[in-house]
Amino acid sequence: MGTGNKAEMLIAICAVLTSVIALFVAWDQGRVMRAQQHGAVFPVVQIDGFVSTTADHASMGVRLSNSGVGPALIERVQMLKDGAPVDSLQPYVDRLPENYDLSWSGLTGRAIAPGAEVAPIELLWTREDISDDRLNSTAAEWAELSLEVCYCSVFDRCWVTRGIGTARSERVKQCEQSDADIFEALATRPALSTTDTPEVD
């Protein structure tokens, strides 16, 4: 093989190596850029239960907060007891001490901004309508339930978080979207009407 052919082959090999290196650098830069993009919009949903008393009122409920740096898109919400889904909260509501005010907020389809929080359910009594012991026993009964939330980032990376007082989430491929929301169902709870009032003989 002549000197000219060797030089041409060497140049060709160098060109191939340069192309491979350039391709790897471009791939690596793209990977780093994608990681930076995902990190810049990484949501972290935390579930917290609360019981609160003041001189005038007593309350209990659940709050969701986003302590991440990107919006959390809530795709599915369900309540669990012993790991099994609960179809309705109505049996728990029916056993509540009387004279409560109920506030609820649907979660499914909601976007929770970074640093924001939402209370899907909150119960409020005046202090004369509930004792501390009754409040604590009611909170203990509701503590049997565990809230599960499946949420995604704007780049369709998804996680599931379960329980109360934890920010640890499990990465999942996707969230199975749900049209139903167990908290929205509380809006249709039956109310006591004047026709339901028993007559006095």
C-alpha atoms as a PDB file:
ATOM      1  CA  MET A   1       0.000   0.000   0.000  1.00  0.00           C
ATOM      2  CA  GLY A   2       1.390   3.354  -1.033  1.00  0.00           C
ATOM      3  CA  THR A   3       2.087   6.252   1.283  1.00  0.00           C
ATOM      4  CA  GLY A   4      -0.796   8.242  -0.256  1.00  0.00           C
ATOM      5  CA  ASN A   5      -3.300   5.440   0.389  1.00  0.00           C
ATOM      6  CA  LYS A   6      -2.152   5.119   4.009  1.00  0.00           C
ATOM      7  CA  ALA A   7      -2.601   8.834   4.539  1.00  0.00           C
ATOM      8  CA  GLU A   8      -6.087   8.763   3.008  1.00  0.00           C
ATOM      9  CA  MET A   9      -7.073   5.808   5.190  1.00  0.00           C
ATOM     10  CA  LEU A  10      -5.739   7.562   8.289  1.00  0.00           C
ATOM     11  CA  ILE A  11      -7.686  10.685   7.417  1.00  0.00           C
ATOM     12  CA  ALA A  12     -10.843   8.614   6.854  1.00  0.00           C
ATOM     13  CA  ILE A  13     -10.418   6.849  10.220  1.00  0.00           C
ATOM     14  CA  CYS A  14      -9.878  10.194  11.958  1.00  0.00           C
ATOM     15  CA  ALA A  15     -12.992  11.589  10.285  1.00  0.00           C
ATOM     16  CA  VAL A  16     -15.078   8.617  11.459  1.00  0.00           C
ATOM     17  CA  LEU A  17     -13.733   8.950  15.015  1.00  0.00           C
ATOM     18  CA  THR A  18     -14.428  12.683  14.982  1.00  0.00           C
ATOM     19  CA  SER A  19     -17.993  12.042  13.819  1.00  0.00           C
ATOM     20  CA  VAL A  20     -18.547   9.427  16.540  1.00  0.00           C
ATOM     21  CA  ILE A  21     -17.160  11.756  19.220  1.00  0.00           C
ATOM     22  CA  ALA A  22     -19.283  14.644  17.962  1.00  0.00           C
ATOM     23  CA  LEU A  23     -22.371  12.398  17.967  1.00  0.00           C
ATOM     24  CA  PHE A  24     -21.665  11.263  21.543  1.00  0.00           C
ATOM     25  CA  VAL A  25     -21.114  14.838  22.720  1.00  0.00           C
ATOM     26  CA  ALA A  26     -24.403  15.938  21.099  1.00  0.00           C
ATOM     27  CA  TRP A  27     -26.252  12.992  22.685  1.00  0.00           C
ATOM     28  CA  ASP A  28     -24.720  13.698  26.087  1.00  0.00           C
ATOM     29  CA  GLN A  29     -25.538  17.407  25.878  1.00  0.00           C
ATOM     30  CA  GLY A  30     -29.117  16.534  24.896  1.00  0.00           C
ATOM     31  CA  ARG A  31     -29.371  14.126  27.836  1.00  0.00           C
ATOM     32  CA  VAL A  32     -28.072  16.759  30.244  1.00  0.00           C
ATOM     33  CA  MET A  33     -30.442  19.366  28.789  1.00  0.00           C
ATOM     34  CA  ARG A  34     -33.423  17.022  29.134  1.00  0.00           C
ATOM     35  CA  ALA A  35     -32.448  16.264  32.720  1.00  0.00           C
ATOM     36  CA  GLN A  36     -32.213  19.996  33.439  1.00  0.00           C
ATOM     37  CA  GLN A  37     -35.621  20.589  31.862  1.00  0.00           C
ATOM     38  CA  HIS A  38     -37.236  17.833  33.923  1.00  0.00           C
ATOM     39  CA  GLY A  39     -35.465  19.014  37.073  1.00  0.00           C
ATOM     40  CA  ALA A  40     -36.726  22.544  36.526  1.00  0.00           C
ATOM     41  CA  VAL A  41     -40.378  21.378  36.620  1.00  0.00           C
ATOM     42  CA  PHE A  42     -40.161  18.535  39.162  1.00  0.00           C
ATOM     43  CA  PRO A  43     -43.309  18.464  41.356  1.00  0.00           C
ATOM     44  CA  VAL A  44     -43.351  16.924  44.840  1.00  0.00           C
ATOM     45  CA  VAL A  45     -46.825  16.333  46.281  1.00  0.00           C
ATOM     46  CA  GLN A  46     -47.138  15.920  50.038  1.00  0.00           C
ATOM     47  CA  ILE A  47     -50.271  14.773  51.885  1.00  0.00           C
ATOM     48  CA  ASP A  48     -50.890  16.031  55.429  1.00  0.00           C
ATOM     49  CA  GLY A  49     -53.757  15.425  57.815  1.00  0.00           C
ATOM     50  CA  PHE A  50     -54.582  18.004  60.460  1.00  0.00           C
ATOM     51  CA  VAL A  51     -56.603  18.430  63.637  1.00  0.00           C
ATOM     52  CA  SER A  52     -56.903  21.958  65.009  1.00  0.00           C
ATOM     53  CA  THR A  53     -58.648  23.594  67.956  1.00  0.00           C
ATOM     54  CA  THR A  54     -59.100  27.216  68.929  1.00  0.00           C
ATOM     55  CA  ALA A  55     -61.160  28.926  71.609  1.00  0.00           C
ATOM     56  CA  ASP A  56     -64.134  29.055  69.223  1.00  0.00           C
ATOM     57  CA  HIS A  57     -63.752  26.193  66.746  1.00  0.00           C
ATOM     58  CA  ALA A  58     -62.422  22.688  66.174  1.00  0.00           C
ATOM     59  CA  SER A  59     -61.501  21.337  62.753  1.00  0.00           C
ATOM     60  CA  MET A  60     -59.944  18.369  60.992  1.00  0.00           C
ATOM     61  CA  GLY A  61     -59.157  17.495  57.415  1.00  0.00           C
ATOM     62  CA  VAL A  62     -56.550  16.808  54.765  1.00  0.00           C
ATOM     63  CA  ARG A  63     -54.220  19.132  52.849  1.00  0.00           C
ATOM     64  CA  LEU A  64     -52.174  18.547  49.702  1.00  0.00           C
ATOM     65  CA  SER A  65     -49.145  20.719  49.056  1.00  0.00           C
ATOM     66  CA  ASN A  66     -46.593  20.894  46.247  1.00  0.00           C
ATOM     67  CA  SER A  67     -43.104  21.406  47.639  1.00  0.00           C
ATOM     68  CA  GLY A  68     -41.461  20.879  44.241  1.00  0.00           C
ATOM     69  CA  VAL A  69     -40.425  23.366  41.557  1.00  0.00           C
ATOM     70  CA  GLY A  70     -43.013  22.600  38.884  1.00  0.00           C
ATOM     71  CA  PRO A  71     -46.803  22.247  38.709  1.00  0.00           C
ATOM     72  CA  ALA A  72     -48.331  18.929  39.774  1.00  0.00           C
ATOM     73  CA  LEU A  73     -51.063  17.771  37.404  1.00  0.00           C
ATOM     74  CA  ILE A  74     -53.450  15.580  39.430  1.00  0.00           C
ATOM     75  CA  GLU A  75     -54.705  12.710  37.265  1.00  0.00           C
ATOM     76  CA  ARG A  76     -56.210  10.241  39.759  1.00  0.00           C
ATOM     77  CA  VAL A  77     -57.311  10.352  43.384  1.00  0.00           C
ATOM     78  CA  GLN A  78     -58.619   7.495  45.481  1.00  0.00           C
ATOM     79  CA  MET A  79     -59.053   6.652  49.137  1.00  0.00           C
ATOM     80  CA  LEU A  80     -57.782   3.336  50.481  1.00  0.00           C
ATOM     81  CA  LYS A  81     -58.502   1.289  53.575  1.00  0.00           C
ATOM     82  CA  ASP A  82     -56.149  -1.617  54.287  1.00  0.00           C
ATOM     83  CA  GLY A  83     -54.861  -1.197  50.730  1.00  0.00           C
ATOM     84  CA  ALA A  84     -58.276  -1.585  49.086  1.00  0.00           C
ATOM     85  CA  PRO A  85     -60.118   1.286  47.347  1.00  0.00           C
ATOM     86  CA  VAL A  86     -62.972   2.959  49.212  1.00  0.00           C
ATOM     87  CA  ASP A  87     -65.933   3.753  46.949  1.00  0.00           C
ATOM     88  CA  SER A  88     -67.461   6.494  49.088  1.00  0.00           C
ATOM     89  CA  LEU A  89     -66.716   8.626  52.129  1.00  0.00           C
ATOM     90  CA  GLN A  90     -70.416   8.848  52.978  1.00  0.00           C
ATOM     91  CA  PRO A  91     -70.342   6.144  55.706  1.00  0.00           C
ATOM     92  CA  TYR A  92     -67.648   8.140  57.512  1.00  0.00           C
ATOM     93  CA  VAL A  93     -69.552  11.384  57.037  1.00  0.00           C
ATOM     94  CA  ASP A  94     -72.737   9.773  58.400  1.00  0.00           C
ATOM     95  CA  ARG A  95     -70.949   8.963  61.664  1.00  0.00           C
ATOM     96  CA  LEU A  96     -69.616  12.482  62.220  1.00  0.00           C
ATOM     97  CA  PRO A  97     -70.636  14.454  65.313  1.00  0.00           C
ATOM     98  CA  GLU A  98     -73.581  16.708  64.473  1.00  0.00           C
ATOM     99  CA  ASN A  99     -73.581  20.397  63.553  1.00  0.00           C
ATOM    100  CA  TYR A 100     -70.477  20.340  61.385  1.00  0.00           C
ATOM    101  CA  ASP A 101     -69.623  22.486  58.399  1.00  0.00           C
ATOM    102  CA  LEU A 102     -68.110  20.575  55.497  1.00  0.00           C
ATOM    103  CA  SER A 103     -65.777  22.140  52.937  1.00  0.00           C
ATOM    104  CA  TRP A 104     -64.572  20.082  50.004  1.00  0.00           C
ATOM    105  CA  SER A 105     -62.523  20.625  46.870  1.00  0.00           C
ATOM    106  CA  GLY A 106     -62.113  18.281  43.903  1.00  0.00           C
ATOM    107  CA  LEU A 107     -58.569  17.226  43.053  1.00  0.00           C
ATOM    108  CA  THR A 108     -58.864  15.285  39.795  1.00  0.00           C
ATOM    109  CA  GLY A 109     -57.782  17.432  36.849  1.00  0.00           C
ATOM    110  CA  ARG A 110     -56.377  20.155  39.093  1.00  0.00           C
ATOM    111  CA  ALA A 111     -52.909  21.675  38.627  1.00  0.00           C
ATOM    112  CA  ILE A 112     -51.227  22.516  41.940  1.00  0.00           C
ATOM    113  CA  ALA A 113     -48.593  25.210  41.528  1.00  0.00           C
ATOM    114  CA  PRO A 114     -45.245  25.051  43.349  1.00  0.00           C
ATOM    115  CA  GLY A 115     -45.680  26.234  46.926  1.00  0.00           C
ATOM    116  CA  ALA A 116     -49.469  25.999  46.730  1.00  0.00           C
ATOM    117  CA  GLU A 117     -51.770  23.817  48.786  1.00  0.00           C
ATOM    118  CA  VAL A 118     -55.378  22.677  48.612  1.00  0.00           C
ATOM    119  CA  ALA A 119     -57.660  21.130  51.238  1.00  0.00           C
ATOM    120  CA  PRO A 120     -59.818  18.439  49.553  1.00  0.00           C
ATOM    121  CA  ILE A 121     -61.843  18.051  52.753  1.00  0.00           C
ATOM    122  CA  GLU A 122     -62.198  20.090  55.945  1.00  0.00           C
ATOM    123  CA  LEU A 123     -64.712  19.663  58.782  1.00  0.00           C
ATOM    124  CA  LEU A 124     -65.477  22.459  61.224  1.00  0.00           C
ATOM    125  CA  TRP A 125     -67.396  22.530  64.513  1.00  0.00           C
ATOM    126  CA  THR A 126     -67.974  25.213  67.098  1.00  0.00           C
ATOM    127  CA  ARG A 127     -66.255  24.292  70.351  1.00  0.00           C
ATOM    128  CA  GLU A 128     -69.528  23.726  72.230  1.00  0.00           C
ATOM    129  CA  ASP A 129     -70.622  21.156  69.629  1.00  0.00           C
ATOM    130  CA  ILE A 130     -67.691  18.752  70.027  1.00  0.00           C
ATOM    131  CA  SER A 131     -65.498  17.672  72.931  1.00  0.00           C
ATOM    132  CA  ASP A 132     -61.779  17.027  72.623  1.00  0.00           C
ATOM    133  CA  ASP A 133     -62.336  13.298  73.194  1.00  0.00           C
ATOM    134  CA  ARG A 134     -64.985  13.132  70.454  1.00  0.00           C
ATOM    135  CA  LEU A 135     -62.762  15.107  68.066  1.00  0.00           C
ATOM    136  CA  ASN A 136     -59.817  12.788  68.714  1.00  0.00           C
ATOM    137  CA  SER A 137     -61.905   9.631  68.290  1.00  0.00           C
ATOM    138  CA  THR A 138     -63.362  10.995  65.034  1.00  0.00           C
ATOM    139  CA  ALA A 139     -59.881  11.825  63.739  1.00  0.00           C
ATOM    140  CA  ALA A 140     -58.697   8.316  64.692  1.00  0.00           C
ATOM    141  CA  GLU A 141     -61.543   6.763  62.690  1.00  0.00           C
ATOM    142  CA  TRP A 142     -60.681   8.813  59.606  1.00  0.00           C
ATOM    143  CA  ALA A 143     -56.998   7.927  60.112  1.00  0.00           C
ATOM    144  CA  GLU A 144     -57.923   4.391  59.030  1.00  0.00           C
ATOM    145  CA  LEU A 145     -58.088   5.803  55.497  1.00  0.00           C
ATOM    146  CA  SER A 146     -55.112   6.468  53.266  1.00  0.00           C
ATOM    147  CA  LEU A 147     -55.211   8.943  50.370  1.00  0.00           C
ATOM    148  CA  GLU A 148     -53.512   7.932  47.121  1.00  0.00           C
ATOM    149  CA  VAL A 149     -52.717  10.573  44.492  1.00  0.00           C
ATOM    150  CA  CYS A 150     -51.261   9.964  41.034  1.00  0.00           C
ATOM    151  CA  TYR A 151     -49.797  13.101  39.469  1.00  0.00           C
ATOM    152  CA  CYS A 152     -47.594  14.125  36.537  1.00  0.00           C
ATOM    153  CA  SER A 153     -45.236  16.897  35.520  1.00  0.00           C
ATOM    154  CA  VAL A 154     -45.745  18.992  32.395  1.00  0.00           C
ATOM    155  CA  PHE A 155     -43.362  16.568  30.632  1.00  0.00           C
ATOM    156  CA  ASP A 156     -45.636  13.590  31.461  1.00  0.00           C
ATOM    157  CA  ARG A 157     -43.361  12.109  34.096  1.00  0.00           C
ATOM    158  CA  CYS A 158     -45.671  10.618  36.706  1.00  0.00           C
ATOM    159  CA  TRP A 159     -45.600   9.566  40.351  1.00  0.00           C
ATOM    160  CA  VAL A 160     -47.893   8.056  42.970  1.00  0.00           C
ATOM    161  CA  THR A 161     -47.862   9.189  46.586  1.00  0.00           C
ATOM    162  CA  ARG A 162     -49.789   7.486  49.383  1.00  0.00           C
ATOM    163  CA  GLY A 163     -50.526   8.047  53.034  1.00  0.00           C
ATOM    164  CA  ILE A 164     -50.402  11.003  55.354  1.00  0.00           C
ATOM    165  CA  GLY A 165     -47.356  13.030  56.339  1.00  0.00           C
ATOM    166  CA  THR A 166     -45.036  11.802  53.597  1.00  0.00           C
ATOM    167  CA  ALA A 167     -43.448  13.395  50.557  1.00  0.00           C
ATOM    168  CA  ARG A 168     -42.002  10.109  49.256  1.00  0.00           C
ATOM    169  CA  SER A 169     -43.440   9.239  45.851  1.00  0.00           C
ATOM    170  CA  GLU A 170     -43.124   6.202  43.611  1.00  0.00           C
ATOM    171  CA  ARG A 171     -42.297   6.760  39.934  1.00  0.00           C
ATOM    172  CA  VAL A 172     -44.821   5.203  37.527  1.00  0.00           C
ATOM    173  CA  LYS A 173     -44.978   5.083  33.732  1.00  0.00           C
ATOM    174  CA  GLN A 174     -48.290   6.919  33.613  1.00  0.00           C
ATOM    175  CA  CYS A 175     -51.372   7.719  35.646  1.00  0.00           C
ATOM    176  CA  GLU A 176     -54.611   5.997  34.787  1.00  0.00           C
ATOM    177  CA  GLN A 177     -56.876   9.003  34.394  1.00  0.00           C
ATOM    178  CA  SER A 178     -60.144   9.090  36.308  1.00  0.00           C
ATOM    179  CA  ASP A 179     -63.196  11.275  35.762  1.00  0.00           C
ATOM    180  CA  ALA A 180     -64.543  10.549  39.244  1.00  0.00           C
ATOM    181  CA  ASP A 181     -63.352  12.311  42.376  1.00  0.00           C
ATOM    182  CA  ILE A 182     -64.230  10.909  45.792  1.00  0.00           C
ATOM    183  CA  PHE A 183     -64.277  14.416  47.281  1.00  0.00           C
ATOM    184  CA  GLU A 184     -66.563  15.865  44.601  1.00  0.00           C
ATOM    185  CA  ALA A 185     -69.078  13.138  45.478  1.00  0.00           C
ATOM    186  CA  LEU A 186     -69.522  14.824  48.865  1.00  0.00           C
ATOM    187  CA  ALA A 187     -71.279  17.696  47.081  1.00  0.00           C
ATOM    188  CA  THR A 188     -74.211  15.401  46.344  1.00  0.00           C
ATOM    189  CA  ARG A 189     -74.678  14.204  49.929  1.00  0.00           C
ATOM    190  CA  PRO A 190     -78.358  14.355  50.934  1.00  0.00           C
ATOM    191  CA  ALA A 191     -79.414  17.333  53.004  1.00  0.00           C
ATOM    192  CA  LEU A 192     -82.097  17.386  55.679  1.00  0.00           C
ATOM    193  CA  SER A 193     -85.154  19.108  54.242  1.00  0.00           C
ATOM    194  CA  THR A 194     -88.187  20.526  56.016  1.00  0.00           C
ATOM    195  CA  THR A 195     -90.233  17.553  54.821  1.00  0.00           C
ATOM    196  CA  ASP A 196     -87.850  15.242  56.711  1.00  0.00           C
ATOM    197  CA  THR A 197     -88.594  16.905  60.033  1.00  0.00           C
ATOM    198  CA  PRO A 198     -90.736  14.595  62.157  1.00  0.00           C
ATOM    199  CA  GLU A 199     -94.174  15.888  63.096  1.00  0.00           C
ATOM    200  CA  VAL A 200     -95.041  16.480  66.731  1.00  0.00           C
ATOM    201  CA  ASP A 201     -98.396  15.095  67.836  1.00  0.00           C
END
